[in-house]
Amino acid sequence: MRLSKDKTSLKYNDFLTLHGIPPQVFDYKLGNRSALDWIIDQYQIKTDKRSGITNDPNNLDDETYILRLIKQVISVSLETVNIVENLRPLEILDDQR
């Protein structure tokens, strides 16, 4: 999986690219990176150089699992950003008399 340079498309594999990713998705952060960036990083197929063990997080029993996960992460990110942007300012009462 790889994001385009402008982060509006996600190349899932040689046969599937998701287009039209809203920029607000990247405003929802988990630590110092967006939830979508985290998913892309965690769901890479990686082979450990020392051991040669391949970590493939793809669920072969459910080929659409990662695509559904990406859709859910995009939806949750957009909704969370929308909720946070529409929160009323916090009133802090000065209780000193």
PDB file of N, CA and C in Angstrom:
ATOM      1  N   MET A   1       0.849  -1.180   0.000  1.00  0.00           N
ATOM      2  CA  MET A   1       0.000   0.000   0.000  1.00  0.00           C
ATOM      3  C   MET A   1       0.889   1.235   0.000  1.00  0.00           C
ATOM      4  N   ARG A   2       0.451   2.214  -0.760  1.00  0.00           N
ATOM      5  CA  ARG A   2       1.237   3.446  -0.829  1.00  0.00           C
ATOM      6  C   ARG A   2       0.313   4.610  -1.183  1.00  0.00           C
ATOM      7  N   LEU A   3       0.475   5.707  -0.431  1.00  0.00           N
ATOM      8  CA  LEU A   3      -0.269   6.926  -0.719  1.00  0.00           C
ATOM      9  C   LEU A   3       0.394   7.676  -1.867  1.00  0.00           C
ATOM     10  N   SER A   4      -0.414   8.379  -2.647  1.00  0.00           N
ATOM     11  CA  SER A   4       0.139   9.255  -3.672  1.00  0.00           C
ATOM     12  C   SER A   4       0.808  10.442  -2.983  1.00  0.00           C
ATOM     13  N   LYS A   5       1.622  11.182  -3.728  1.00  0.00           N
ATOM     14  CA  LYS A   5       2.333  12.318  -3.128  1.00  0.00           C
ATOM     15  C   LYS A   5       1.376  13.350  -2.549  1.00  0.00           C
ATOM     16  N   ASP A   6       0.221  13.562  -3.215  1.00  0.00           N
ATOM     17  CA  ASP A   6      -0.746  14.541  -2.711  1.00  0.00           C
ATOM     18  C   ASP A   6      -1.709  13.941  -1.688  1.00  0.00           C
ATOM     19  N   LYS A   7      -1.544  12.652  -1.374  1.00  0.00           N
ATOM     20  CA  LYS A   7      -2.330  11.923  -0.372  1.00  0.00           C
ATOM     21  C   LYS A   7      -3.826  11.876  -0.681  1.00  0.00           C
ATOM     22  N   THR A   8      -4.185  11.946  -1.958  1.00  0.00           N
ATOM     23  CA  THR A   8      -5.596  11.828  -2.320  1.00  0.00           C
ATOM     24  C   THR A   8      -5.928  10.444  -2.864  1.00  0.00           C
ATOM     25  N   SER A   9      -4.905   9.618  -3.093  1.00  0.00           N
ATOM     26  CA  SER A   9      -5.108   8.267  -3.612  1.00  0.00           C
ATOM     27  C   SER A   9      -4.251   7.278  -2.826  1.00  0.00           C
ATOM     28  N   LEU A  10      -4.765   6.074  -2.703  1.00  0.00           N
ATOM     29  CA  LEU A  10      -4.052   5.003  -2.022  1.00  0.00           C
ATOM     30  C   LEU A  10      -3.972   3.818  -2.971  1.00  0.00           C
ATOM     31  N   LYS A  11      -2.750   3.486  -3.367  1.00  0.00           N
ATOM     32  CA  LYS A  11      -2.555   2.301  -4.213  1.00  0.00           C
ATOM     33  C   LYS A  11      -2.510   1.096  -3.289  1.00  0.00           C
ATOM     34  N   TYR A  12      -3.542   0.282  -3.373  1.00  0.00           N
ATOM     35  CA  TYR A  12      -3.653  -0.903  -2.520  1.00  0.00           C
ATOM     36  C   TYR A  12      -2.786  -2.035  -3.071  1.00  0.00           C
ATOM     37  N   ASN A  13      -2.879  -2.261  -4.364  1.00  0.00           N
ATOM     38  CA  ASN A  13      -2.029  -3.242  -5.048  1.00  0.00           C
ATOM     39  C   ASN A  13      -1.992  -2.860  -6.532  1.00  0.00           C
ATOM     40  N   ASP A  14      -1.452  -3.740  -7.369  1.00  0.00           N
ATOM     41  CA  ASP A  14      -1.338  -3.424  -8.797  1.00  0.00           C
ATOM     42  C   ASP A  14      -2.687  -3.317  -9.497  1.00  0.00           C
ATOM     43  N   PHE A  15      -3.737  -3.824  -8.861  1.00  0.00           N
ATOM     44  CA  PHE A  15      -5.043  -3.861  -9.501  1.00  0.00           C
ATOM     45  C   PHE A  15      -6.060  -2.886  -8.923  1.00  0.00           C
ATOM     46  N   LEU A  16      -5.748  -2.311  -7.773  1.00  0.00           N
ATOM     47  CA  LEU A  16      -6.735  -1.477  -7.093  1.00  0.00           C
ATOM     48  C   LEU A  16      -6.098  -0.231  -6.502  1.00  0.00           C
ATOM     49  N   THR A  17      -6.628   0.921  -6.873  1.00  0.00           N
ATOM     50  CA  THR A  17      -6.216   2.196  -6.294  1.00  0.00           C
ATOM     51  C   THR A  17      -7.474   2.918  -5.834  1.00  0.00           C
ATOM     52  N   LEU A  18      -7.458   3.390  -4.604  1.00  0.00           N
ATOM     53  CA  LEU A  18      -8.580   4.150  -4.048  1.00  0.00           C
ATOM     54  C   LEU A  18      -8.304   5.634  -4.276  1.00  0.00           C
ATOM     55  N   HIS A  19      -9.236   6.334  -4.893  1.00  0.00           N
ATOM     56  CA  HIS A  19      -9.081   7.754  -5.197  1.00  0.00           C
ATOM     57  C   HIS A  19     -10.045   8.588  -4.358  1.00  0.00           C
ATOM     58  N   GLY A  20      -9.747   9.863  -4.227  1.00  0.00           N
ATOM     59  CA  GLY A  20     -10.663  10.794  -3.578  1.00  0.00           C
ATOM     60  C   GLY A  20     -10.598  10.797  -2.070  1.00  0.00           C
ATOM     61  N   ILE A  21      -9.452  10.516  -1.503  1.00  0.00           N
ATOM     62  CA  ILE A  21      -9.318  10.553  -0.045  1.00  0.00           C
ATOM     63  C   ILE A  21      -9.321  12.020   0.393  1.00  0.00           C
ATOM     64  N   PRO A  22     -10.275  12.417   1.234  1.00  0.00           N
ATOM     65  CA  PRO A  22     -10.353  13.818   1.661  1.00  0.00           C
ATOM     66  C   PRO A  22      -9.149  14.199   2.534  1.00  0.00           C
ATOM     67  N   PRO A  23      -8.618  15.409   2.370  1.00  0.00           N
ATOM     68  CA  PRO A  23      -7.458  15.827   3.160  1.00  0.00           C
ATOM     69  C   PRO A  23      -7.732  15.864   4.667  1.00  0.00           C
ATOM     70  N   GLN A  24      -8.994  16.043   5.077  1.00  0.00           N
ATOM     71  CA  GLN A  24      -9.337  16.102   6.501  1.00  0.00           C
ATOM     72  C   GLN A  24      -9.041  14.786   7.215  1.00  0.00           C
ATOM     73  N   VAL A  25      -8.945  13.682   6.468  1.00  0.00           N
ATOM     74  CA  VAL A  25      -8.635  12.377   7.059  1.00  0.00           C
ATOM     75  C   VAL A  25      -7.325  12.458   7.840  1.00  0.00           C
ATOM     76  N   PHE A  26      -6.397  13.253   7.352  1.00  0.00           N
ATOM     77  CA  PHE A  26      -5.070  13.314   7.952  1.00  0.00           C
ATOM     78  C   PHE A  26      -5.002  14.282   9.134  1.00  0.00           C
ATOM     79  N   ASP A  27      -6.131  14.944   9.442  1.00  0.00           N
ATOM     80  CA  ASP A  27      -6.189  15.818  10.616  1.00  0.00           C
ATOM     81  C   ASP A  27      -6.428  15.031  11.904  1.00  0.00           C
ATOM     82  N   TYR A  28      -6.940  13.816  11.785  1.00  0.00           N
ATOM     83  CA  TYR A  28      -7.154  12.963  12.961  1.00  0.00           C
ATOM     84  C   TYR A  28      -5.865  12.185  13.203  1.00  0.00           C
ATOM     85  N   LYS A  29      -5.204  12.498  14.304  1.00  0.00           N
ATOM     86  CA  LYS A  29      -3.877  11.937  14.578  1.00  0.00           C
ATOM     87  C   LYS A  29      -3.909  10.933  15.721  1.00  0.00           C
ATOM     88  N   LEU A  30      -3.091   9.919  15.590  1.00  0.00           N
ATOM     89  CA  LEU A  30      -2.797   8.977  16.665  1.00  0.00           C
ATOM     90  C   LEU A  30      -1.330   9.205  16.996  1.00  0.00           C
ATOM     91  N   GLY A  31      -1.075   9.997  17.992  1.00  0.00           N
ATOM     92  CA  GLY A  31       0.306  10.402  18.272  1.00  0.00           C
ATOM     93  C   GLY A  31       0.735  11.438  17.257  1.00  0.00           C
ATOM     94  N   ASN A  32       1.776  11.125  16.506  1.00  0.00           N
ATOM     95  CA  ASN A  32       2.293  12.106  15.559  1.00  0.00           C
ATOM     96  C   ASN A  32       1.927  11.801  14.113  1.00  0.00           C
ATOM     97  N   ARG A  33       1.061  10.805  13.876  1.00  0.00           N
ATOM     98  CA  ARG A  33       0.652  10.525  12.503  1.00  0.00           C
ATOM     99  C   ARG A  33      -0.836  10.197  12.444  1.00  0.00           C
ATOM    100  N   SER A  34      -1.383  10.305  11.246  1.00  0.00           N
ATOM    101  CA  SER A  34      -2.812  10.065  11.092  1.00  0.00           C
ATOM    102  C   SER A  34      -3.127   8.582  11.250  1.00  0.00           C
ATOM    103  N   ALA A  35      -4.388   8.312  11.534  1.00  0.00           N
ATOM    104  CA  ALA A  35      -4.831   6.925  11.684  1.00  0.00           C
ATOM    105  C   ALA A  35      -4.631   6.163  10.376  1.00  0.00           C
ATOM    106  N   LEU A  36      -4.893   6.816   9.245  1.00  0.00           N
ATOM    107  CA  LEU A  36      -4.711   6.156   7.955  1.00  0.00           C
ATOM    108  C   LEU A  36      -3.234   5.864   7.701  1.00  0.00           C
ATOM    109  N   ASP A  37      -2.353   6.802   8.028  1.00  0.00           N
ATOM    110  CA  ASP A  37      -0.914   6.547   7.889  1.00  0.00           C
ATOM    111  C   ASP A  37      -0.494   5.359   8.751  1.00  0.00           C
ATOM    112  N   TRP A  38      -1.049   5.261   9.954  1.00  0.00           N
ATOM    113  CA  TRP A  38      -0.714   4.161  10.860  1.00  0.00           C
ATOM    114  C   TRP A  38      -1.155   2.830  10.265  1.00  0.00           C
ATOM    115  N   ILE A  39      -2.373   2.777   9.732  1.00  0.00           N
ATOM    116  CA  ILE A  39      -2.886   1.543   9.122  1.00  0.00           C
ATOM    117  C   ILE A  39      -2.012   1.136   7.941  1.00  0.00           C
ATOM    118  N   ILE A  40      -1.666   2.093   7.100  1.00  0.00           N
ATOM    119  CA  ILE A  40      -0.828   1.791   5.934  1.00  0.00           C
ATOM    120  C   ILE A  40       0.508   1.211   6.381  1.00  0.00           C
ATOM    121  N   ASP A  41       1.088   1.780   7.418  1.00  0.00           N
ATOM    122  CA  ASP A  41       2.368   1.285   7.923  1.00  0.00           C
ATOM    123  C   ASP A  41       2.240  -0.115   8.529  1.00  0.00           C
ATOM    124  N   GLN A  42       1.222  -0.329   9.329  1.00  0.00           N
ATOM    125  CA  GLN A  42       1.067  -1.593  10.039  1.00  0.00           C
ATOM    126  C   GLN A  42       0.660  -2.749   9.126  1.00  0.00           C
ATOM    127  N   TYR A  43      -0.020  -2.460   8.035  1.00  0.00           N
ATOM    128  CA  TYR A  43      -0.526  -3.512   7.168  1.00  0.00           C
ATOM    129  C   TYR A  43       0.333  -3.731   5.931  1.00  0.00           C
ATOM    130  N   GLN A  44       1.615  -3.436   6.041  1.00  0.00           N
ATOM    131  CA  GLN A  44       2.579  -3.739   4.985  1.00  0.00           C
ATOM    132  C   GLN A  44       3.047  -5.179   5.139  1.00  0.00           C
ATOM    133  N   ILE A  45       3.319  -5.828   4.049  1.00  0.00           N
ATOM    134  CA  ILE A  45       3.951  -7.145   4.106  1.00  0.00           C
ATOM    135  C   ILE A  45       5.441  -6.887   4.281  1.00  0.00           C
ATOM    136  N   LYS A  46       5.997  -7.408   5.376  1.00  0.00           N
ATOM    137  CA  LYS A  46       7.396  -7.149   5.709  1.00  0.00           C
ATOM    138  C   LYS A  46       8.123  -8.461   5.964  1.00  0.00           C
ATOM    139  N   THR A  47       9.375  -8.521   5.528  1.00  0.00           N
ATOM    140  CA  THR A  47      10.217  -9.684   5.785  1.00  0.00           C
ATOM    141  C   THR A  47      11.405  -9.242   6.629  1.00  0.00           C
ATOM    142  N   ASP A  48      11.571  -9.910   7.766  1.00  0.00           N
ATOM    143  CA  ASP A  48      12.697  -9.622   8.641  1.00  0.00           C
ATOM    144  C   ASP A  48      13.988 -10.076   7.952  1.00  0.00           C
ATOM    145  N   LYS A  49      14.953  -9.159   7.849  1.00  0.00           N
ATOM    146  CA  LYS A  49      16.200  -9.470   7.136  1.00  0.00           C
ATOM    147  C   LYS A  49      17.005 -10.568   7.814  1.00  0.00           C
ATOM    148  N   ARG A  50      17.040 -10.557   9.131  1.00  0.00           N
ATOM    149  CA  ARG A  50      17.834 -11.554   9.860  1.00  0.00           C
ATOM    150  C   ARG A  50      17.225 -12.951   9.790  1.00  0.00           C
ATOM    151  N   SER A  51      15.952 -13.045  10.106  1.00  0.00           N
ATOM    152  CA  SER A  51      15.330 -14.367  10.211  1.00  0.00           C
ATOM    153  C   SER A  51      14.706 -14.843   8.903  1.00  0.00           C
ATOM    154  N   GLY A  52      14.383 -13.898   8.027  1.00  0.00           N
ATOM    155  CA  GLY A  52      13.706 -14.267   6.790  1.00  0.00           C
ATOM    156  C   GLY A  52      12.219 -14.521   6.967  1.00  0.00           C
ATOM    157  N   ILE A  53      11.707 -14.288   8.176  1.00  0.00           N
ATOM    158  CA  ILE A  53      10.287 -14.501   8.458  1.00  0.00           C
ATOM    159  C   ILE A  53       9.481 -13.359   7.844  1.00  0.00           C
ATOM    160  N   THR A  54       8.434 -13.728   7.129  1.00  0.00           N
ATOM    161  CA  THR A  54       7.569 -12.734   6.496  1.00  0.00           C
ATOM    162  C   THR A  54       6.336 -12.526   7.349  1.00  0.00           C
ATOM    163  N   ASN A  55       6.050 -11.266   7.641  1.00  0.00           N
ATOM    164  CA  ASN A  55       4.847 -10.886   8.373  1.00  0.00           C
ATOM    165  C   ASN A  55       3.847 -10.376   7.339  1.00  0.00           C
ATOM    166  N   ASP A  56       2.787 -11.142   7.121  1.00  0.00           N
ATOM    167  CA  ASP A  56       1.750 -10.765   6.168  1.00  0.00           C
ATOM    168  C   ASP A  56       0.438 -10.610   6.926  1.00  0.00           C
ATOM    169  N   PRO A  57       0.033  -9.366   7.221  1.00  0.00           N
ATOM    170  CA  PRO A  57      -1.173  -9.149   8.012  1.00  0.00           C
ATOM    171  C   PRO A  57      -2.471  -9.359   7.243  1.00  0.00           C
ATOM    172  N   ASN A  58      -2.369  -9.684   5.968  1.00  0.00           N
ATOM    173  CA  ASN A  58      -3.572  -9.905   5.176  1.00  0.00           C
ATOM    174  C   ASN A  58      -4.281 -11.168   5.650  1.00  0.00           C
ATOM    175  N   ASN A  59      -5.582 -11.068   5.796  1.00  0.00           N
ATOM    176  CA  ASN A  59      -6.398 -12.195   6.213  1.00  0.00           C
ATOM    177  C   ASN A  59      -6.834 -12.930   4.952  1.00  0.00           C
ATOM    178  N   LEU A  60      -6.204 -14.063   4.685  1.00  0.00           N
ATOM    179  CA  LEU A  60      -6.499 -14.787   3.449  1.00  0.00           C
ATOM    180  C   LEU A  60      -7.903 -15.364   3.437  1.00  0.00           C
ATOM    181  N   ASP A  61      -8.519 -15.517   4.610  1.00  0.00           N
ATOM    182  CA  ASP A  61      -9.892 -16.012   4.680  1.00  0.00           C
ATOM    183  C   ASP A  61     -10.903 -14.928   4.317  1.00  0.00           C
ATOM    184  N   ASP A  62     -10.485 -13.673   4.379  1.00  0.00           N
ATOM    185  CA  ASP A  62     -11.370 -12.545   4.080  1.00  0.00           C
ATOM    186  C   ASP A  62     -10.582 -11.512   3.282  1.00  0.00           C
ATOM    187  N   GLU A  63     -10.628 -11.633   1.977  1.00  0.00           N
ATOM    188  CA  GLU A  63      -9.805 -10.802   1.093  1.00  0.00           C
ATOM    189  C   GLU A  63     -10.165  -9.322   1.136  1.00  0.00           C
ATOM    190  N   THR A  64     -11.366  -8.982   1.602  1.00  0.00           N
ATOM    191  CA  THR A  64     -11.784  -7.579   1.636  1.00  0.00           C
ATOM    192  C   THR A  64     -11.554  -6.930   2.994  1.00  0.00           C
ATOM    193  N   TYR A  65     -10.952  -7.671   3.934  1.00  0.00           N
ATOM    194  CA  TYR A  65     -10.770  -7.171   5.296  1.00  0.00           C
ATOM    195  C   TYR A  65     -10.049  -5.818   5.336  1.00  0.00           C
ATOM    196  N   ILE A  66      -8.906  -5.716   4.699  1.00  0.00           N
ATOM    197  CA  ILE A  66      -8.121  -4.480   4.781  1.00  0.00           C
ATOM    198  C   ILE A  66      -8.846  -3.326   4.087  1.00  0.00           C
ATOM    199  N   LEU A  67      -9.519  -3.595   2.987  1.00  0.00           N
ATOM    200  CA  LEU A  67     -10.278  -2.527   2.324  1.00  0.00           C
ATOM    201  C   LEU A  67     -11.397  -2.007   3.215  1.00  0.00           C
ATOM    202  N   ARG A  68     -12.095  -2.922   3.894  1.00  0.00           N
ATOM    203  CA  ARG A  68     -13.140  -2.481   4.836  1.00  0.00           C
ATOM    204  C   ARG A  68     -12.525  -1.693   5.979  1.00  0.00           C
ATOM    205  N   LEU A  69     -11.372  -2.149   6.477  1.00  0.00           N
ATOM    206  CA  LEU A  69     -10.685  -1.446   7.555  1.00  0.00           C
ATOM    207  C   LEU A  69     -10.300  -0.032   7.122  1.00  0.00           C
ATOM    208  N   ILE A  70      -9.759   0.116   5.924  1.00  0.00           N
ATOM    209  CA  ILE A  70      -9.386   1.440   5.407  1.00  0.00           C
ATOM    210  C   ILE A  70     -10.617   2.329   5.320  1.00  0.00           C
ATOM    211  N   LYS A  71     -11.713   1.788   4.808  1.00  0.00           N
ATOM    212  CA  LYS A  71     -12.969   2.559   4.715  1.00  0.00           C
ATOM    213  C   LYS A  71     -13.431   3.002   6.098  1.00  0.00           C
ATOM    214  N   GLN A  72     -13.363   2.105   7.071  1.00  0.00           N
ATOM    215  CA  GLN A  72     -13.795   2.440   8.425  1.00  0.00           C
ATOM    216  C   GLN A  72     -12.883   3.493   9.053  1.00  0.00           C
ATOM    217  N   VAL A  73     -11.588   3.373   8.849  1.00  0.00           N
ATOM    218  CA  VAL A  73     -10.644   4.342   9.410  1.00  0.00           C
ATOM    219  C   VAL A  73     -10.862   5.718   8.788  1.00  0.00           C
ATOM    220  N   ILE A  74     -11.110   5.765   7.492  1.00  0.00           N
ATOM    221  CA  ILE A  74     -11.400   7.048   6.839  1.00  0.00           C
ATOM    222  C   ILE A  74     -12.684   7.641   7.402  1.00  0.00           C
ATOM    223  N   SER A  75     -13.723   6.828   7.546  1.00  0.00           N
ATOM    224  CA  SER A  75     -15.003   7.313   8.081  1.00  0.00           C
ATOM    225  C   SER A  75     -14.869   7.816   9.510  1.00  0.00           C
ATOM    226  N   VAL A  76     -14.207   7.038  10.357  1.00  0.00           N
ATOM    227  CA  VAL A  76     -14.037   7.436  11.753  1.00  0.00           C
ATOM    228  C   VAL A  76     -13.187   8.702  11.847  1.00  0.00           C
ATOM    229  N   SER A  77     -12.153   8.798  11.047  1.00  0.00           N
ATOM    230  CA  SER A  77     -11.296   9.987  11.058  1.00  0.00           C
ATOM    231  C   SER A  77     -12.092  11.232  10.684  1.00  0.00           C
ATOM    232  N   LEU A  78     -12.870  11.143   9.608  1.00  0.00           N
ATOM    233  CA  LEU A  78     -13.668  12.298   9.169  1.00  0.00           C
ATOM    234  C   LEU A  78     -14.704  12.689  10.221  1.00  0.00           C
ATOM    235  N   GLU A  79     -15.395  11.706  10.785  1.00  0.00           N
ATOM    236  CA  GLU A  79     -16.410  11.994  11.803  1.00  0.00           C
ATOM    237  C   GLU A  79     -15.782  12.602  13.050  1.00  0.00           C
ATOM    238  N   THR A  80     -14.642  12.080  13.474  1.00  0.00           N
ATOM    239  CA  THR A  80     -13.980  12.601  14.666  1.00  0.00           C
ATOM    240  C   THR A  80     -13.530  14.033  14.462  1.00  0.00           C
ATOM    241  N   VAL A  81     -12.932  14.324  13.315  1.00  0.00           N
ATOM    242  CA  VAL A  81     -12.507  15.697  13.007  1.00  0.00           C
ATOM    243  C   VAL A  81     -13.721  16.615  12.993  1.00  0.00           C
ATOM    244  N   ASN A  82     -14.820  16.174  12.412  1.00  0.00           N
ATOM    245  CA  ASN A  82     -16.042  16.981  12.363  1.00  0.00           C
ATOM    246  C   ASN A  82     -16.572  17.252  13.765  1.00  0.00           C
ATOM    247  N   ILE A  83     -16.611  16.235  14.614  1.00  0.00           N
ATOM    248  CA  ILE A  83     -17.095  16.406  15.990  1.00  0.00           C
ATOM    249  C   ILE A  83     -16.207  17.390  16.744  1.00  0.00           C
ATOM    250  N   VAL A  84     -14.909  17.213  16.660  1.00  0.00           N
ATOM    251  CA  VAL A  84     -13.976  18.081  17.391  1.00  0.00           C
ATOM    252  C   VAL A  84     -14.095  19.530  16.911  1.00  0.00           C
ATOM    253  N   GLU A  85     -14.230  19.719  15.602  1.00  0.00           N
ATOM    254  CA  GLU A  85     -14.346  21.084  15.068  1.00  0.00           C
ATOM    255  C   GLU A  85     -15.636  21.769  15.519  1.00  0.00           C
ATOM    256  N   ASN A  86     -16.656  20.992  15.842  1.00  0.00           N
ATOM    257  CA  ASN A  86     -17.945  21.567  16.230  1.00  0.00           C
ATOM    258  C   ASN A  86     -18.191  21.586  17.740  1.00  0.00           C
ATOM    259  N   LEU A  87     -17.181  21.254  18.523  1.00  0.00           N
ATOM    260  CA  LEU A  87     -17.324  21.338  19.974  1.00  0.00           C
ATOM    261  C   LEU A  87     -17.398  22.805  20.411  1.00  0.00           C
ATOM    262  N   ARG A  88     -18.220  23.049  21.393  1.00  0.00           N
ATOM    263  CA  ARG A  88     -18.267  24.399  21.955  1.00  0.00           C
ATOM    264  C   ARG A  88     -16.990  24.658  22.737  1.00  0.00           C
ATOM    265  N   PRO A  89     -16.560  25.900  22.795  1.00  0.00           N
ATOM    266  CA  PRO A  89     -15.371  26.203  23.607  1.00  0.00           C
ATOM    267  C   PRO A  89     -15.624  25.849  25.071  1.00  0.00           C
ATOM    268  N   LEU A  90     -14.609  25.390  25.731  1.00  0.00           N
ATOM    269  CA  LEU A  90     -14.704  25.018  27.136  1.00  0.00           C
ATOM    270  C   LEU A  90     -14.685  26.281  27.989  1.00  0.00           C
ATOM    271  N   GLU A  91     -15.693  26.405  28.838  1.00  0.00           N
ATOM    272  CA  GLU A  91     -15.718  27.541  29.760  1.00  0.00           C
ATOM    273  C   GLU A  91     -15.050  27.128  31.055  1.00  0.00           C
ATOM    274  N   ILE A  92     -14.057  27.884  31.440  1.00  0.00           N
ATOM    275  CA  ILE A  92     -13.379  27.617  32.692  1.00  0.00           C
ATOM    276  C   ILE A  92     -13.761  28.748  33.652  1.00  0.00           C
ATOM    277  N   LEU A  93     -14.432  28.349  34.711  1.00  0.00           N
ATOM    278  CA  LEU A  93     -14.888  29.338  35.685  1.00  0.00           C
ATOM    279  C   LEU A  93     -13.765  29.583  36.680  1.00  0.00           C
ATOM    280  N   ASP A  94     -13.533  30.839  36.952  1.00  0.00           N
ATOM    281  CA  ASP A  94     -12.525  31.201  37.963  1.00  0.00           C
ATOM    282  C   ASP A  94     -13.209  31.180  39.301  1.00  0.00           C
ATOM    283  N   ASP A  95     -12.873  30.195  40.136  1.00  0.00           N
ATOM    284  CA  ASP A  95     -13.545  29.994  41.402  1.00  0.00           C
ATOM    285  C   ASP A  95     -12.863  30.763  42.541  1.00  0.00           C
ATOM    286  N   GLN A  96     -11.962  31.635  42.204  1.00  0.00           N
ATOM    287  CA  GLN A  96     -11.288  32.432  43.250  1.00  0.00           C
ATOM    288  C   GLN A  96     -12.213  33.562  43.648  1.00  0.00           C
ATOM    289  N   ARG A  97     -12.394  33.740  44.967  1.00  0.00           N
ATOM    290  CA  ARG A  97     -13.313  34.786  45.434  1.00  0.00           C
ATOM    291  C   ARG A  97     -12.595  35.807  46.233  1.00  0.00           C
TER     292      ARG A  97
END
